[in-house]
Amino acid sequence: MFFLFGFGTKQQDLGPGDVRPCPRCGNTSQWTRMRQFRQLSVFFVPVARWRRRQFEVCGICGNAIEV
């Protein structure tokens, strides 16, 4: 019997976030809202997702802050 499965971390872009200063680079920019999760798929179909979190990423330096 042959099973084709995959395991990994996925990220989804949820659109624009707030406009605010970054604590790391100090620039004020448009942040991007992202969702990250771990996923198990069997035959390219997602079966289970866990460890979900949402965060915003600075548009200049890439610093991420969990929301």
N, C-alpha and C. Protein backbone atom coordinates (compact mmCIF):
# COMPACT_ATOMS: atom_id res chain seq x y z
N MET A 1 0.84 -1.17 0.00
CA MET A 1 0.00 0.00 0.00
C MET A 1 0.89 1.24 0.00
N PHE A 2 0.48 2.28 -0.69
CA PHE A 2 1.27 3.49 -0.88
C PHE A 2 0.50 4.70 -0.35
N PHE A 3 1.11 5.47 0.57
CA PHE A 3 0.50 6.69 1.09
C PHE A 3 1.39 7.87 0.75
N LEU A 4 0.78 8.92 0.27
CA LEU A 4 1.49 10.15 -0.03
C LEU A 4 1.01 11.21 0.96
N PHE A 5 1.91 11.65 1.85
CA PHE A 5 1.50 12.62 2.86
C PHE A 5 2.54 13.72 2.96
N GLY A 6 2.10 14.83 3.53
CA GLY A 6 2.98 15.98 3.70
C GLY A 6 2.77 16.61 5.07
N PHE A 7 3.82 17.28 5.56
CA PHE A 7 3.79 17.91 6.87
C PHE A 7 4.60 19.19 6.78
N GLY A 8 4.04 20.30 7.27
CA GLY A 8 4.81 21.53 7.20
C GLY A 8 4.08 22.72 7.78
N THR A 9 4.73 23.87 7.71
CA THR A 9 4.19 25.12 8.19
C THR A 9 3.72 25.94 6.99
N LYS A 10 2.51 26.46 7.08
CA LYS A 10 1.93 27.26 6.00
C LYS A 10 1.65 28.66 6.51
N GLN A 11 1.70 29.65 5.61
CA GLN A 11 1.36 31.03 5.94
C GLN A 11 0.35 31.55 4.93
N GLN A 12 -0.64 32.30 5.44
CA GLN A 12 -1.63 32.93 4.59
C GLN A 12 -1.57 34.43 4.80
N ASP A 13 -1.68 35.17 3.72
CA ASP A 13 -1.74 36.62 3.78
C ASP A 13 -3.20 37.02 3.98
N LEU A 14 -3.48 37.76 5.06
CA LEU A 14 -4.85 38.17 5.37
C LEU A 14 -5.15 39.60 4.95
N GLY A 15 -4.20 40.26 4.31
CA GLY A 15 -4.44 41.62 3.83
C GLY A 15 -3.70 42.65 4.66
N PRO A 16 -4.02 43.92 4.41
CA PRO A 16 -3.31 44.99 5.11
C PRO A 16 -3.68 45.06 6.59
N GLY A 17 -2.71 45.43 7.39
CA GLY A 17 -2.92 45.62 8.82
C GLY A 17 -2.93 47.10 9.15
N ASP A 18 -2.45 47.44 10.34
CA ASP A 18 -2.42 48.82 10.79
C ASP A 18 -1.23 49.58 10.20
N VAL A 19 -1.34 50.90 10.24
CA VAL A 19 -0.20 51.77 9.94
C VAL A 19 0.32 52.24 11.29
N ARG A 20 1.55 51.84 11.62
CA ARG A 20 2.12 52.17 12.93
C ARG A 20 3.63 52.10 12.88
N PRO A 21 4.30 52.68 13.89
CA PRO A 21 5.76 52.62 13.92
C PRO A 21 6.24 51.23 14.34
N CYS A 22 7.35 50.83 13.79
CA CYS A 22 7.95 49.54 14.11
C CYS A 22 8.89 49.70 15.31
N PRO A 23 8.81 48.80 16.29
CA PRO A 23 9.72 48.91 17.44
C PRO A 23 11.17 48.55 17.09
N ARG A 24 11.39 47.82 16.00
CA ARG A 24 12.74 47.41 15.63
C ARG A 24 13.46 48.45 14.75
N CYS A 25 12.80 48.88 13.66
CA CYS A 25 13.47 49.82 12.74
C CYS A 25 13.08 51.27 12.98
N GLY A 26 11.98 51.53 13.68
CA GLY A 26 11.56 52.89 14.00
C GLY A 26 10.80 53.60 12.90
N ASN A 27 10.58 52.97 11.75
CA ASN A 27 9.85 53.58 10.63
C ASN A 27 8.36 53.34 10.77
N THR A 28 7.56 54.29 10.31
CA THR A 28 6.11 54.13 10.27
C THR A 28 5.74 53.61 8.89
N SER A 29 5.05 52.46 8.86
CA SER A 29 4.71 51.84 7.57
C SER A 29 3.41 51.06 7.70
N GLN A 30 2.91 50.59 6.56
CA GLN A 30 1.74 49.72 6.50
C GLN A 30 2.18 48.31 6.85
N TRP A 31 1.57 47.71 7.86
CA TRP A 31 1.89 46.34 8.27
C TRP A 31 0.97 45.38 7.53
N THR A 32 1.39 44.13 7.38
CA THR A 32 0.61 43.09 6.71
C THR A 32 0.18 42.07 7.75
N ARG A 33 -1.10 41.71 7.74
CA ARG A 33 -1.62 40.71 8.68
C ARG A 33 -1.45 39.32 8.07
N MET A 34 -0.89 38.39 8.84
CA MET A 34 -0.60 37.03 8.37
C MET A 34 -1.17 36.00 9.35
N ARG A 35 -1.43 34.80 8.84
CA ARG A 35 -1.85 33.66 9.67
C ARG A 35 -0.88 32.52 9.39
N GLN A 36 -0.39 31.88 10.44
CA GLN A 36 0.55 30.76 10.30
C GLN A 36 0.00 29.55 11.03
N PHE A 37 0.15 28.37 10.45
CA PHE A 37 -0.32 27.15 11.08
C PHE A 37 0.49 25.96 10.59
N ARG A 38 0.49 24.89 11.38
CA ARG A 38 1.11 23.62 11.00
C ARG A 38 0.02 22.78 10.35
N GLN A 39 0.39 21.97 9.34
CA GLN A 39 -0.61 21.25 8.57
C GLN A 39 -0.12 19.86 8.20
N LEU A 40 -1.02 18.90 8.26
CA LEU A 40 -0.79 17.54 7.79
C LEU A 40 -1.73 17.30 6.62
N SER A 41 -1.20 16.83 5.50
CA SER A 41 -2.03 16.55 4.34
C SER A 41 -1.76 15.13 3.84
N VAL A 42 -2.81 14.50 3.33
CA VAL A 42 -2.73 13.16 2.76
C VAL A 42 -3.27 13.25 1.33
N PHE A 43 -2.47 12.82 0.38
CA PHE A 43 -2.82 12.92 -1.04
C PHE A 43 -3.19 14.36 -1.41
N PHE A 44 -2.41 15.34 -0.92
CA PHE A 44 -2.56 16.77 -1.21
C PHE A 44 -3.84 17.39 -0.66
N VAL A 45 -4.54 16.70 0.24
CA VAL A 45 -5.75 17.22 0.88
C VAL A 45 -5.42 17.49 2.34
N PRO A 46 -5.61 18.74 2.83
CA PRO A 46 -5.33 19.03 4.24
C PRO A 46 -6.25 18.22 5.16
N VAL A 47 -5.64 17.52 6.11
CA VAL A 47 -6.40 16.68 7.03
C VAL A 47 -6.49 17.32 8.40
N ALA A 48 -5.40 17.90 8.89
CA ALA A 48 -5.39 18.49 10.23
C ALA A 48 -4.53 19.75 10.24
N ARG A 49 -4.98 20.75 10.99
CA ARG A 49 -4.23 21.99 11.20
C ARG A 49 -4.19 22.27 12.70
N TRP A 50 -3.03 22.70 13.17
CA TRP A 50 -2.87 23.03 14.58
C TRP A 50 -1.83 24.13 14.74
N ARG A 51 -1.66 24.61 15.95
CA ARG A 51 -0.73 25.68 16.30
C ARG A 51 -0.96 26.93 15.44
N ARG A 52 -2.23 27.35 15.37
CA ARG A 52 -2.59 28.54 14.60
C ARG A 52 -2.24 29.79 15.37
N ARG A 53 -1.73 30.80 14.65
CA ARG A 53 -1.47 32.10 15.26
C ARG A 53 -1.56 33.17 14.19
N GLN A 54 -1.93 34.38 14.64
CA GLN A 54 -2.01 35.52 13.74
C GLN A 54 -0.98 36.55 14.18
N PHE A 55 -0.36 37.19 13.21
CA PHE A 55 0.62 38.21 13.52
C PHE A 55 0.65 39.25 12.41
N GLU A 56 1.28 40.38 12.69
CA GLU A 56 1.46 41.44 11.71
C GLU A 56 2.95 41.60 11.44
N VAL A 57 3.30 41.85 10.17
CA VAL A 57 4.68 41.94 9.73
C VAL A 57 4.94 43.37 9.23
N CYS A 58 6.05 43.96 9.68
CA CYS A 58 6.45 45.29 9.24
C CYS A 58 6.77 45.26 7.75
N GLY A 59 6.30 46.27 7.02
CA GLY A 59 6.51 46.33 5.57
C GLY A 59 7.94 46.70 5.18
N ILE A 60 8.75 47.18 6.12
CA ILE A 60 10.11 47.60 5.79
C ILE A 60 11.14 46.57 6.22
N CYS A 61 11.14 46.21 7.50
CA CYS A 61 12.21 45.33 8.00
C CYS A 61 11.77 43.87 8.18
N GLY A 62 10.45 43.57 8.15
CA GLY A 62 9.99 42.19 8.29
C GLY A 62 9.80 41.73 9.71
N ASN A 63 9.86 42.64 10.68
CA ASN A 63 9.65 42.31 12.08
C ASN A 63 8.21 41.84 12.27
N ALA A 64 7.98 40.77 13.02
CA ALA A 64 6.64 40.22 13.23
C ALA A 64 6.24 40.38 14.69
N ILE A 65 4.97 40.81 14.89
CA ILE A 65 4.41 40.96 16.22
C ILE A 65 3.11 40.17 16.26
N GLU A 66 2.97 39.28 17.24
CA GLU A 66 1.76 38.46 17.36
C GLU A 66 0.59 39.33 17.83
N VAL A 67 -0.56 39.12 17.20
CA VAL A 67 -1.75 39.91 17.51
C VAL A 67 -2.64 39.13 18.44
